[in-house]
C-alpha atoms as a PDB file:
ATOM      1  CA  MET A   1     -15.613 -38.089  -9.524  1.00  0.00           C
ATOM      2  CA  ASN A   2     -14.845 -34.417  -8.390  1.00  0.00           C
ATOM      3  CA  ASN A   3     -11.959 -32.846 -10.146  1.00  0.00           C
ATOM      4  CA  LYS A   4     -12.011 -29.627  -8.024  1.00  0.00           C
ATOM      5  CA  LYS A   5      -8.440 -28.359  -7.343  1.00  0.00           C
ATOM      6  CA  LYS A   6      -6.849 -25.938  -4.917  1.00  0.00           C
ATOM      7  CA  VAL A   7      -4.729 -23.504  -6.896  1.00  0.00           C
ATOM      8  CA  ALA A   8      -2.381 -20.839  -5.696  1.00  0.00           C
ATOM      9  CA  ILE A   9      -1.488 -18.148  -8.350  1.00  0.00           C
ATOM     10  CA  ILE A  10       1.582 -16.085  -7.626  1.00  0.00           C
ATOM     11  CA  ARG A  11       1.402 -12.450  -8.883  1.00  0.00           C
ATOM     12  CA  SER A  12      -1.560 -10.656  -9.807  1.00  0.00           C
ATOM     13  CA  GLY A  13      -0.840  -9.201 -13.290  1.00  0.00           C
ATOM     14  CA  ILE A  14      -3.388  -9.420 -16.054  1.00  0.00           C
ATOM     15  CA  GLY A  15      -2.543 -12.969 -16.931  1.00  0.00           C
ATOM     16  CA  GLY A  16      -2.751 -14.024 -13.250  1.00  0.00           C
ATOM     17  CA  MET A  17      -6.022 -12.445 -12.710  1.00  0.00           C
ATOM     18  CA  ALA A  18      -7.383 -13.856 -16.155  1.00  0.00           C
ATOM     19  CA  ILE A  19      -6.387 -17.439 -15.175  1.00  0.00           C
ATOM     20  CA  ALA A  20      -7.753 -17.033 -11.596  1.00  0.00           C
ATOM     21  CA  ILE A  21     -11.178 -16.047 -13.034  1.00  0.00           C
ATOM     22  CA  ARG A  22     -11.165 -18.820 -15.507  1.00  0.00           C
ATOM     23  CA  LEU A  23     -10.273 -21.405 -12.985  1.00  0.00           C
ATOM     24  CA  ALA A  24     -12.809 -20.063 -10.378  1.00  0.00           C
ATOM     25  CA  GLN A  25     -15.546 -20.259 -13.086  1.00  0.00           C
ATOM     26  CA  LYS A  26     -14.564 -23.849 -13.700  1.00  0.00           C
ATOM     27  CA  GLY A  27     -15.247 -24.620 -10.075  1.00  0.00           C
ATOM     28  CA  HIS A  28     -11.673 -24.677  -8.576  1.00  0.00           C
ATOM     29  CA  ASP A  29     -10.653 -23.015  -5.322  1.00  0.00           C
ATOM     30  CA  VAL A  30      -8.289 -20.264  -6.223  1.00  0.00           C
ATOM     31  CA  ASP A  31      -5.926 -18.169  -3.973  1.00  0.00           C
ATOM     32  CA  LEU A  32      -4.349 -15.252  -5.672  1.00  0.00           C
ATOM     33  CA  TYR A  33      -1.053 -13.827  -3.988  1.00  0.00           C
ATOM     34  CA  GLU A  34       0.561 -10.553  -4.663  1.00  0.00           C
ATOM     35  CA  LYS A  35       3.421  -8.926  -2.629  1.00  0.00           C
ATOM     36  CA  ILE A  36       1.997  -5.541  -2.666  1.00  0.00           C
ATOM     37  CA  VAL A  37      -1.484  -4.400  -1.243  1.00  0.00           C
ATOM     38  CA  THR A  38      -3.308  -3.872  -4.406  1.00  0.00           C
ATOM     39  CA  LEU A  39      -3.924  -6.242  -7.391  1.00  0.00           C
ATOM     40  CA  VAL A  40      -1.963  -4.834 -10.313  1.00  0.00           C
ATOM     41  CA  GLY A  41      -1.669  -5.473 -13.950  1.00  0.00           C
ATOM     42  CA  SER A  42      -0.812  -3.315 -16.911  1.00  0.00           C
ATOM     43  CA  TYR A  43      -2.080  -3.513 -20.508  1.00  0.00           C
ATOM     44  CA  HIS A  44      -1.596  -1.728 -23.670  1.00  0.00           C
ATOM     45  CA  ILE A  45      -4.339  -1.130 -26.399  1.00  0.00           C
ATOM     46  CA  SER A  46      -2.839  -0.734 -29.803  1.00  0.00           C
ATOM     47  CA  ASN A  47      -4.465   0.657 -32.832  1.00  0.00           C
END
């Protein structure tokens, strides 16, 4: 039985990109949608 899914992820922040990578690694077809031209995301590294 093949459990491969087609997944759409809206917004390409760090969380969206991370889950897109994880789902793709598991064999799912992933489409990542973002309103602006470049994929974005912000993060903060704390001490």
